[in-house]
Amino acid sequence: MKYLYLLVAILGTFLLSYFTISKEINYVIIGVLMALIFIICFFSVKLSLILLIASMLLSPEIVVGATSKREITLRLEDLILLTMTLAWLFRMAFLKDIGFVLKTQLNKPMAIFIIVMVISTIIGIMRGNVDILPGFFFSLKIIEYFFLFIVVINYLTTEKDINLILSLLFIVCGIICVYCLFMIVSGGDVSAPFEGSHGERNTLSGYLVLLGSVAAGVLMNTKNSLEKTLLGFMLLFLIVSLLFSGSRSGWISALVACFVLFFTAKHKNIYFLVLAIMFFALPFFLPDIVRERINFTFHQTSWDPTQQIQIFGIRLDTSTSARIFAAKAVIRYFLSNPFFGYGMTGAFFIDGQFFRIILELGILGILSFLWLLYNVHNIIYKTMKLELDSRLRGMVVGFYAGFWALIIHALSANTFIIVRISEPFWCLTGLTVVLYYLRHSLATNIIPSQTEMIVSEKNSNIVSVAKG
C-alpha cells in the first residue's frame, strides 16, 4: 500500500505541475484540483502529507505580483499547504480525532519568533520601509514552514509513518539527482526543476547537502543490503550534482557534514578510510567548473579593484567581496533600528541568513531565531541518545550532520528562507520530534496518567508525549 501512496503522490504532483506551468493557466482546473486535494486531506491525512512531500522540489513557481523591489511568487505546495490547513480545521471540527497542536519544546520558540517577525513587519509598514504585499507574503512563507512542522508532528503517529515519509524524501531526492545528471549531460546549468533558465546555485546545493547528509547517515547504519546499494548510487549521483552546481557554500557545508558524520560514526576507522580515499582521489576527477570557481575566487580580474576585498594579501572575487561589504553595511543600518529591525523585506537584499535576520528583525529577531535553532539541535541530539532501530538512527545522525552543514551554509545564503531547503528541513525536524516522543515514552515507561495522549484515526495509533 505504501508504494501505491508514493506512486499516486508523484503522479499527482506532475499532473498539478503540468497545469500550473502552462502558459494559459486555467484557474477553474486549479480550483477543481484544489477541491480534490481538500477531499484527500479530509479523508486521508497521510496521503495528503505524502503529496506535499512529493511536491517540495517537483513543483513550479507562479508569479502572482511584483513590486519595485522584488517579485511575489507562489508555489504548488503553497496551495497544497493552504488546502491542508483548511481541511485540517474542518477535520478537527467534524471528526474531533486530532488535537490542534501537539506540545513540543519547539512551540514556544516558534511562537516568539513569529510574534517578533509580525511586530517588526508592522512597524516597518508604518515607517514606510516595508511594502505591504511582499512583507505579508514573506512573513506568511515563514509561518508556512512552521505549519509544515505542525502537520508532521500531528499527523504521523508511528515509526512506520516516519519510515514512509523518509522513503519518499529519498525518492524525490533521487529524481532530482537524475534530473541534474540530465542537465549536466545536456550542457545546461545545473539547478532544481522549474527554476527557469537561471537557477540559484545555493538553493540546489543546500537541498543536496541536507538530503545527502541524511542519506549518508542511513547508509552508514541500515542493515538492509538493497537500501545500502540504492543509497550508495544516489549519493554518487548527488556528489556529482553538487560539484556541478558550482556552489562554494554547498561544497564547504558538505565538508562540515562529513566532519560531523565522522564523529557520530560507529565505525570511525572504516569511515576515515573512505574519506581519505575520496580526499586523495577527488582532485583527479574534479570537473572543470570546480577548478574554475576556485580559481575565480582568488584570481578574478576586475575593472574596479575597489569592489574586491583583500585578506592577507589575497584579493577575493566580487561575489564574495559583496557579501562582506553587505555584512559591514548591516552593522551600520542595525544601529538605527536595533530592537525590531526594518521588518521583512524592509531593507536591502543580503545573502546571509543571520545577517538578514539582524537587519530585518533586529536583536529580538536574531535572539529568538538562535533560540529556535538551539532547541532544534537539542531535540536532534537527545533523539540520537535513545535506543533506535538502525534505519531511523541513521536518519537522526544524518540530520544532525545536515543541521550543522546548513548552519555554515546560512553564513552566505538565506538558507532558512529558501523554500526548497526549509521545507525538507522542517519536515525532518518534525520526523525527529515524533520519533523522540515515541521512543522517549517507551524508554521511560511513562504511564498514561503522566502523559498527554493524542489519539489518531479511529483511536488505532497513540502517541504518548511526556509533559514538559
Protein backbone atom coordinates (compact mmCIF):
# COMPACT_ATOMS: atom_id res chain seq x y z
CA MET A 1 0.00 0.00 0.00
CA LYS A 2 2.81 2.44 0.80
CA TYR A 3 4.17 2.10 -2.75
CA LEU A 4 0.72 2.97 -4.08
CA TYR A 5 0.82 6.11 -1.91
CA LEU A 6 4.20 7.06 -3.36
CA LEU A 7 3.09 6.48 -6.94
CA VAL A 8 -0.11 8.48 -6.52
CA ALA A 9 1.77 11.34 -4.83
CA ILE A 10 4.43 11.66 -7.55
CA LEU A 11 1.98 11.30 -10.43
CA GLY A 12 -0.34 13.80 -8.77
CA THR A 13 2.50 16.28 -8.36
CA PHE A 14 3.47 16.10 -12.02
CA LEU A 15 -0.18 16.47 -13.04
CA LEU A 16 -0.62 19.59 -10.92
CA SER A 17 2.71 20.97 -12.17
CA TYR A 18 1.63 20.48 -15.78
CA PHE A 19 -1.48 22.60 -15.34
CA THR A 20 0.30 25.18 -13.20
CA ILE A 21 3.18 25.94 -15.58
CA SER A 22 1.09 26.07 -18.75
CA LYS A 23 1.18 29.49 -20.38
CA GLU A 24 -2.57 29.88 -20.15
CA ILE A 25 -3.37 28.84 -16.60
CA ASN A 26 -6.90 27.53 -16.29
CA TYR A 27 -7.88 28.65 -12.82
CA VAL A 28 -11.04 26.55 -12.98
CA ILE A 29 -8.90 23.44 -13.34
CA ILE A 30 -6.67 24.56 -10.47
CA GLY A 31 -9.77 25.18 -8.36
CA VAL A 32 -11.08 21.68 -9.12
CA LEU A 33 -7.69 20.15 -8.30
CA MET A 34 -7.56 22.06 -5.01
CA ALA A 35 -11.02 20.76 -4.19
CA LEU A 36 -9.79 17.21 -4.85
CA ILE A 37 -6.79 17.85 -2.61
CA PHE A 38 -9.16 19.11 0.09
CA ILE A 39 -11.14 15.86 -0.10
CA ILE A 40 -7.94 13.81 0.06
CA CYS A 41 -6.71 15.83 3.06
CA PHE A 42 -10.01 15.43 4.86
CA PHE A 43 -10.31 11.67 4.44
CA SER A 44 -6.65 10.59 4.13
CA VAL A 45 -4.27 12.71 6.16
CA LYS A 46 -1.20 10.64 5.32
CA LEU A 47 -1.79 10.69 1.57
CA SER A 48 -2.14 14.48 1.60
CA LEU A 49 1.14 14.81 3.50
CA ILE A 50 2.81 12.45 1.02
CA LEU A 51 1.53 14.62 -1.83
CA LEU A 52 3.01 17.67 -0.12
CA ILE A 53 6.39 15.98 0.35
CA ALA A 54 6.44 14.92 -3.29
CA SER A 55 5.79 18.50 -4.43
CA MET A 56 8.68 20.03 -2.46
CA LEU A 57 11.15 20.14 -5.35
CA LEU A 58 8.92 18.95 -8.16
CA SER A 59 6.61 21.95 -8.37
CA PRO A 60 6.91 25.28 -10.21
CA GLU A 61 6.62 28.87 -9.07
CA ILE A 62 3.83 31.21 -10.16
CA VAL A 63 4.46 34.97 -10.21
CA VAL A 64 1.34 36.48 -8.66
CA GLY A 65 2.58 40.05 -8.38
CA ALA A 66 5.60 42.32 -8.22
CA THR A 67 6.81 45.49 -6.55
CA SER A 68 9.65 47.81 -7.38
CA LYS A 69 11.96 45.70 -5.18
CA ARG A 70 11.04 42.05 -5.90
CA GLU A 71 8.60 39.58 -7.40
CA ILE A 72 5.90 37.87 -5.34
CA THR A 73 5.66 34.18 -6.15
CA LEU A 74 3.64 31.18 -5.05
CA ARG A 75 4.49 27.52 -5.49
CA LEU A 76 2.34 24.44 -5.82
CA GLU A 77 3.00 23.33 -2.24
CA ASP A 78 1.83 26.76 -1.03
CA LEU A 79 -1.59 25.90 -2.44
CA ILE A 80 -1.41 22.37 -1.04
CA LEU A 81 -0.47 23.66 2.42
CA LEU A 82 -3.29 26.19 2.35
CA THR A 83 -5.74 23.47 1.37
CA MET A 84 -4.35 21.16 4.05
CA THR A 85 -4.82 23.89 6.66
CA LEU A 86 -8.50 24.28 5.77
CA ALA A 87 -9.03 20.51 5.63
CA TRP A 88 -7.28 20.12 8.99
CA LEU A 89 -9.57 22.68 10.62
CA PHE A 90 -12.66 21.03 9.12
CA ARG A 91 -11.48 17.57 10.16
CA MET A 92 -10.80 18.78 13.68
CA ALA A 93 -14.26 20.37 13.87
CA PHE A 94 -16.24 17.44 12.49
CA LEU A 95 -14.28 14.29 13.38
CA LYS A 96 -12.59 15.56 16.56
CA ASP A 97 -9.89 12.86 16.19
CA ILE A 98 -6.84 15.11 16.46
CA GLY A 99 -5.68 17.85 18.77
CA PHE A 100 -4.83 21.27 17.40
CA VAL A 101 -1.12 21.43 18.16
CA LEU A 102 1.00 18.78 19.83
CA LYS A 103 3.08 20.32 22.63
CA THR A 104 6.82 20.16 21.97
CA GLN A 105 9.83 22.14 23.12
CA LEU A 106 9.83 23.97 19.77
CA ASN A 107 6.37 25.52 20.09
CA LYS A 108 7.36 28.42 22.30
CA PRO A 109 10.46 29.48 20.30
CA MET A 110 8.43 29.29 17.09
CA ALA A 111 5.62 31.39 18.56
CA ILE A 112 8.02 34.04 19.88
CA PHE A 113 9.86 34.26 16.56
CA ILE A 114 6.56 34.68 14.70
CA ILE A 115 5.43 37.40 17.12
CA VAL A 116 8.71 39.31 16.71
CA MET A 117 8.53 38.93 12.93
CA VAL A 118 4.94 40.21 12.75
CA ILE A 119 5.62 43.16 15.06
CA SER A 120 8.79 44.09 13.15
CA THR A 121 6.98 43.94 9.81
CA ILE A 122 4.03 46.01 11.06
CA ILE A 123 6.44 48.63 12.40
CA GLY A 124 8.26 48.55 9.06
CA ILE A 125 4.99 49.13 7.18
CA MET A 126 4.16 52.07 9.45
CA ARG A 127 7.62 53.55 8.85
CA GLY A 128 7.36 53.05 5.10
CA ASN A 129 10.25 50.58 4.94
CA VAL A 130 8.10 47.58 4.03
CA ASP A 131 5.76 47.24 1.08
CA ILE A 132 2.62 45.53 2.32
CA LEU A 133 2.37 42.69 -0.23
CA PRO A 134 5.96 41.38 -0.11
CA GLY A 135 6.10 41.89 3.65
CA PHE A 136 2.90 39.89 4.07
CA PHE A 137 3.84 37.06 1.70
CA PHE A 138 7.40 36.62 3.01
CA SER A 139 6.11 36.53 6.60
CA LEU A 140 3.44 34.05 5.56
CA LYS A 141 6.14 31.90 3.97
CA ILE A 142 7.98 31.56 7.30
CA ILE A 143 4.74 30.69 9.09
CA GLU A 144 4.07 28.12 6.37
CA TYR A 145 7.32 26.29 7.20
CA PHE A 146 6.30 26.08 10.85
CA PHE A 147 2.88 24.84 9.87
CA LEU A 148 4.52 22.03 7.88
CA PHE A 149 6.30 21.02 11.09
CA ILE A 150 2.97 21.09 12.97
CA VAL A 151 1.32 18.95 10.29
CA VAL A 152 4.08 16.34 10.54
CA ILE A 153 4.05 16.03 14.32
CA ASN A 154 0.25 15.85 14.46
CA TYR A 155 -0.39 13.50 11.54
CA LEU A 156 2.43 10.97 11.94
CA THR A 157 1.97 8.68 14.90
CA THR A 158 4.09 5.57 14.29
CA GLU A 159 7.62 4.67 13.24
CA LYS A 160 6.09 3.10 10.15
CA ASP A 161 4.81 6.56 9.18
CA ILE A 162 8.27 8.05 9.71
CA ASN A 163 9.88 5.39 7.50
CA LEU A 164 7.31 6.04 4.78
CA ILE A 165 8.00 9.78 4.66
CA LEU A 166 11.75 9.16 4.80
CA SER A 167 11.48 6.83 1.80
CA LEU A 168 9.53 9.46 -0.11
CA LEU A 169 12.16 12.10 0.67
CA PHE A 170 14.82 9.77 -0.77
CA ILE A 171 12.72 9.05 -3.87
CA VAL A 172 12.25 12.77 -4.57
CA CYS A 173 15.97 13.37 -3.96
CA GLY A 174 16.81 10.56 -6.38
CA ILE A 175 14.59 12.14 -9.04
CA ILE A 176 16.34 15.49 -8.51
CA CYS A 177 19.77 13.86 -8.87
CA VAL A 178 18.75 12.14 -12.13
CA TYR A 179 17.39 15.47 -13.38
CA CYS A 180 20.70 17.17 -12.51
CA LEU A 181 22.68 14.47 -14.33
CA PHE A 182 20.49 15.03 -17.39
CA MET A 183 21.25 18.76 -17.19
CA ILE A 184 24.98 18.01 -16.92
CA VAL A 185 24.94 15.72 -19.96
CA SER A 186 22.88 18.20 -21.99
CA GLY A 187 25.30 21.01 -21.17
CA GLY A 188 22.83 23.21 -19.30
CA ASP A 189 23.20 24.91 -15.92
CA VAL A 190 22.60 22.53 -13.04
CA SER A 191 19.62 23.61 -10.94
CA ALA A 192 16.47 22.24 -9.34
CA PRO A 193 13.46 21.62 -11.63
CA PHE A 194 11.20 24.52 -12.62
CA GLU A 195 13.72 27.21 -11.70
CA GLY A 196 13.84 28.76 -15.15
CA SER A 197 16.94 29.49 -17.20
CA HIS A 198 18.88 30.97 -14.28
CA GLY A 199 18.67 28.60 -11.34
CA GLU A 200 20.05 29.59 -7.97
CA ARG A 201 23.17 27.60 -7.03
CA ASN A 202 22.65 27.88 -3.28
CA THR A 203 19.11 26.55 -3.49
CA LEU A 204 20.14 23.27 -5.06
CA SER A 205 23.34 22.89 -3.03
CA GLY A 206 21.61 23.40 0.32
CA TYR A 207 18.97 20.81 -0.55
CA LEU A 208 21.55 18.29 -1.78
CA VAL A 209 23.74 18.73 1.30
CA LEU A 210 20.79 18.24 3.67
CA LEU A 211 19.34 15.16 1.94
CA GLY A 212 22.83 13.82 1.20
CA SER A 213 23.68 14.01 4.90
CA VAL A 214 20.54 12.07 5.83
CA ALA A 215 21.17 9.50 3.08
CA ALA A 216 24.78 9.06 4.26
CA GLY A 217 23.59 8.60 7.84
CA VAL A 218 21.12 5.89 6.81
CA LEU A 219 23.72 4.24 4.57
CA MET A 220 26.15 4.04 7.49
CA ASN A 221 23.58 2.49 9.84
CA THR A 222 20.99 0.48 7.91
CA LYS A 223 21.26 -3.30 7.77
CA ASN A 224 19.27 -3.58 4.54
CA SER A 225 21.69 -4.50 1.73
CA LEU A 226 19.35 -3.33 -1.04
CA GLU A 227 18.89 0.05 0.62
CA LYS A 228 22.65 0.39 1.08
CA THR A 229 23.15 -0.21 -2.65
CA LEU A 230 20.42 2.23 -3.74
CA LEU A 231 21.59 4.94 -1.35
CA GLY A 232 25.18 4.40 -2.48
CA PHE A 233 24.25 5.08 -6.10
CA MET A 234 22.09 8.04 -5.09
CA LEU A 235 24.95 9.57 -3.09
CA LEU A 236 27.29 9.12 -6.04
CA PHE A 237 24.85 10.96 -8.33
CA LEU A 238 24.29 13.54 -5.59
CA ILE A 239 28.01 14.28 -5.20
CA VAL A 240 28.37 14.76 -8.96
CA SER A 241 25.34 17.08 -8.99
CA LEU A 242 26.71 19.06 -6.04
CA LEU A 243 30.10 19.51 -7.71
CA PHE A 244 28.49 20.71 -10.94
CA SER A 245 26.18 23.09 -9.05
CA GLY A 246 29.13 25.48 -8.71
CA SER A 247 28.07 26.45 -5.20
CA ARG A 248 31.06 27.16 -2.99
CA SER A 249 28.89 27.40 0.13
CA GLY A 250 27.46 23.99 -0.78
CA TRP A 251 30.93 22.47 -1.06
CA ILE A 252 32.06 23.92 2.27
CA SER A 253 28.89 22.83 4.09
CA ALA A 254 29.26 19.33 2.61
CA LEU A 255 32.72 19.12 4.18
CA VAL A 256 31.20 20.16 7.50
CA ALA A 257 28.60 17.38 7.16
CA CYS A 258 31.38 14.83 6.52
CA PHE A 259 33.24 16.09 9.58
CA VAL A 260 30.16 15.71 11.83
CA LEU A 261 29.34 12.28 10.40
CA PHE A 262 32.85 11.14 11.27
CA PHE A 263 32.39 11.98 14.96
CA THR A 264 28.97 10.28 15.11
CA ALA A 265 30.03 7.16 13.17
CA LYS A 266 30.14 3.84 15.00
CA HIS A 267 32.99 2.53 12.86
CA LYS A 268 35.27 5.55 12.63
CA ASN A 269 38.18 3.62 11.12
CA ILE A 270 36.16 2.49 8.10
CA TYR A 271 34.62 5.93 7.65
CA PHE A 272 38.03 7.61 7.90
CA LEU A 273 39.43 5.24 5.29
CA VAL A 274 36.60 6.03 2.87
CA LEU A 275 37.06 9.77 3.41
CA ALA A 276 40.83 9.51 2.93
CA ILE A 277 40.40 7.65 -0.37
CA MET A 278 37.87 10.23 -1.58
CA PHE A 279 40.07 13.12 -0.47
CA PHE A 280 43.12 11.91 -2.39
CA ALA A 281 41.17 10.69 -5.44
CA LEU A 282 38.85 13.69 -5.84
CA PRO A 283 41.44 16.13 -7.29
CA PHE A 284 41.95 13.77 -10.24
CA PHE A 285 38.22 13.71 -11.02
CA LEU A 286 37.23 17.30 -10.28
CA PRO A 287 35.15 18.80 -13.10
CA ASP A 288 36.37 21.99 -14.75
CA ILE A 289 33.61 24.06 -13.16
CA VAL A 290 35.04 23.35 -9.69
CA ARG A 291 38.55 24.34 -10.70
CA GLU A 292 37.22 27.48 -12.40
CA ARG A 293 35.15 28.51 -9.39
CA ILE A 294 38.08 28.06 -7.00
CA ASN A 295 40.41 29.95 -9.33
CA PHE A 296 37.80 32.70 -9.81
CA THR A 297 37.51 33.17 -6.04
CA PHE A 298 41.15 34.13 -5.60
CA HIS A 299 42.26 35.31 -9.05
CA GLN A 300 39.37 37.30 -10.52
CA THR A 301 40.46 40.28 -12.59
CA SER A 302 38.09 43.22 -12.16
CA TRP A 303 37.92 46.58 -13.86
CA ASP A 304 37.33 48.14 -10.44
CA PRO A 305 39.66 46.77 -7.73
CA THR A 306 37.80 48.79 -5.08
CA GLN A 307 34.93 46.27 -5.41
CA GLN A 308 37.21 43.49 -4.17
CA ILE A 309 38.39 42.89 -0.61
CA GLN A 310 41.91 41.86 0.24
CA ILE A 311 42.55 39.44 3.12
CA PHE A 312 46.19 38.67 3.99
CA GLY A 313 47.21 39.99 0.60
CA ILE A 314 44.71 37.76 -1.27
CA ARG A 315 42.15 39.61 -3.39
CA LEU A 316 38.72 37.93 -3.24
CA ASP A 317 36.27 37.88 -6.14
CA THR A 318 33.48 40.44 -6.39
CA SER A 319 30.77 37.98 -5.32
CA THR A 320 32.49 37.06 -2.06
CA SER A 321 33.53 40.69 -1.52
CA ALA A 322 29.94 41.86 -2.00
CA ARG A 323 28.79 39.59 0.84
CA ILE A 324 31.46 41.02 3.14
CA PHE A 325 30.61 44.62 2.15
CA ALA A 326 26.92 43.87 2.81
CA ALA A 327 27.72 42.39 6.23
CA LYS A 328 29.57 45.57 7.16
CA ALA A 329 26.62 47.66 5.98
CA VAL A 330 24.28 45.57 8.15
CA ILE A 331 26.18 46.71 11.25
CA ARG A 332 25.69 50.37 10.30
CA TYR A 333 21.98 50.01 9.49
CA PHE A 334 21.35 47.81 12.52
CA LEU A 335 22.25 50.64 14.90
CA SER A 336 19.36 52.74 13.54
CA ASN A 337 16.72 50.12 14.45
CA PRO A 338 18.44 47.73 16.86
CA PHE A 339 15.47 46.04 18.55
CA PHE A 340 12.92 45.20 15.82
CA GLY A 341 14.93 45.96 12.67
CA TYR A 342 13.35 47.14 9.43
CA GLY A 343 10.72 44.40 9.01
CA MET A 344 10.54 41.54 6.50
CA THR A 345 11.77 42.81 3.09
CA GLY A 346 12.18 46.27 4.65
CA ALA A 347 15.89 46.70 3.91
CA PHE A 348 18.39 45.90 1.17
CA PHE A 349 18.91 42.34 -0.02
CA ILE A 350 21.76 40.38 1.53
CA ASP A 351 22.97 36.81 1.03
CA GLY A 352 23.42 35.52 4.57
CA GLN A 353 20.61 34.28 6.79
CA PHE A 354 21.90 35.54 10.13
CA PHE A 355 22.84 38.99 8.83
CA ARG A 356 19.46 39.27 7.11
CA ILE A 357 17.58 38.47 10.32
CA ILE A 358 19.65 41.01 12.28
CA LEU A 359 18.85 43.65 9.64
CA GLU A 360 15.15 42.89 9.21
CA LEU A 361 14.11 41.70 12.70
CA GLY A 362 16.74 43.28 14.94
CA ILE A 363 18.31 41.86 18.05
CA LEU A 364 14.99 40.39 19.26
CA GLY A 365 14.61 38.55 15.97
CA ILE A 366 18.09 37.07 15.91
CA LEU A 367 17.91 36.02 19.57
CA SER A 368 14.56 34.26 19.07
CA PHE A 369 15.85 32.60 15.89
CA LEU A 370 19.00 31.35 17.61
CA TRP A 371 16.85 30.07 20.49
CA LEU A 372 14.73 28.17 17.97
CA LEU A 373 17.79 26.64 16.31
CA TYR A 374 19.20 25.72 19.73
CA ASN A 375 16.02 23.80 20.55
CA VAL A 376 16.07 22.05 17.16
CA HIS A 377 19.66 20.99 17.84
CA ASN A 378 18.71 19.89 21.34
CA ILE A 379 15.87 17.62 20.18
CA ILE A 380 18.07 16.04 17.48
CA TYR A 381 20.88 15.41 19.93
CA LYS A 382 18.57 13.91 22.57
CA THR A 383 16.98 11.63 19.96
CA MET A 384 20.43 10.36 18.94
CA LYS A 385 20.96 9.18 22.52
CA LEU A 386 17.85 7.00 22.53
CA GLU A 387 17.67 3.34 21.55
CA LEU A 388 16.62 3.38 17.87
CA ASP A 389 16.45 0.86 15.07
CA SER A 390 19.29 1.09 12.58
CA ARG A 391 17.46 2.95 9.78
CA LEU A 392 15.91 5.60 11.99
CA ARG A 393 19.15 6.07 13.89
CA GLY A 394 20.78 6.72 10.52
CA MET A 395 18.14 9.33 9.74
CA VAL A 396 18.73 11.20 13.00
CA VAL A 397 22.53 11.02 12.75
CA GLY A 398 22.41 12.22 9.16
CA PHE A 399 20.01 15.04 10.04
CA TYR A 400 22.36 16.10 12.84
CA ALA A 401 25.18 16.41 10.30
CA GLY A 402 22.85 18.19 7.89
CA PHE A 403 21.80 20.63 10.61
CA TRP A 404 25.38 21.79 11.19
CA ALA A 405 26.03 21.88 7.45
CA LEU A 406 23.07 24.22 6.96
CA ILE A 407 24.30 26.48 9.77
CA ILE A 408 27.50 27.01 7.77
CA HIS A 409 25.54 27.26 4.51
CA ALA A 410 23.44 30.04 6.06
CA LEU A 411 26.52 32.25 6.50
CA SER A 412 26.45 33.03 2.79
CA ALA A 413 22.88 32.19 1.77
CA ASN A 414 19.32 32.75 3.04
CA THR A 415 19.15 29.05 3.81
CA PHE A 416 16.22 29.02 6.22
CA ILE A 417 14.06 31.21 3.98
CA ILE A 418 14.70 29.32 0.74
CA VAL A 419 11.59 27.18 0.32
CA ARG A 420 13.33 24.20 -1.27
CA ILE A 421 15.66 23.87 1.71
CA SER A 422 13.38 24.94 4.55
CA GLU A 423 10.55 22.54 3.75
CA PRO A 424 12.71 19.38 3.88
CA PHE A 425 14.44 20.80 6.96
CA TRP A 426 11.23 21.33 8.92
CA CYS A 427 9.81 18.04 7.67
CA LEU A 428 12.88 16.21 9.03
CA THR A 429 12.62 18.20 12.25
CA GLY A 430 9.03 17.00 12.61
CA LEU A 431 10.03 13.38 11.95
CA THR A 432 12.74 13.64 14.60
CA VAL A 433 10.35 15.13 17.17
CA VAL A 434 7.77 12.38 16.58
CA LEU A 435 10.48 9.74 16.88
CA TYR A 436 11.82 11.30 20.07
CA TYR A 437 8.47 11.30 21.86
CA LEU A 438 7.63 7.79 20.64
CA ARG A 439 10.91 6.35 21.87
CA HIS A 440 11.23 8.55 24.96
CA SER A 441 7.86 7.42 26.28
CA LEU A 442 8.87 3.78 25.81
CA ALA A 443 12.32 4.26 27.33
CA THR A 444 10.98 5.95 30.48
CA ASN A 445 7.94 3.65 30.90
CA ILE A 446 5.64 6.63 31.31
CA ILE A 447 2.16 5.62 32.39
CA PRO A 448 -0.99 7.23 30.88
CA SER A 449 -1.68 9.43 33.90
CA GLN A 450 1.71 11.10 33.39
CA THR A 451 1.25 11.83 29.72
CA GLU A 452 -0.83 13.74 27.24
CA MET A 453 -2.38 11.29 24.84
CA ILE A 454 -3.04 12.10 21.22
CA VAL A 455 -5.37 9.69 19.53
CA SER A 456 -5.27 9.44 15.75
CA GLU A 457 -7.66 7.88 13.25
CA LYS A 458 -10.17 5.58 14.98
CA ASN A 459 -8.01 5.52 18.09
CA SER A 460 -5.74 2.96 16.40
CA ASN A 461 -2.48 4.86 16.89
CA ILE A 462 -1.46 6.56 20.10
CA VAL A 463 1.47 8.86 20.69
CA SER A 464 2.44 9.33 24.30
CA VAL A 465 4.10 12.64 24.96
CA ALA A 466 5.76 13.44 28.23
CA LYS A 467 4.69 16.69 29.78
CA GLY A 468 7.33 19.36 29.63
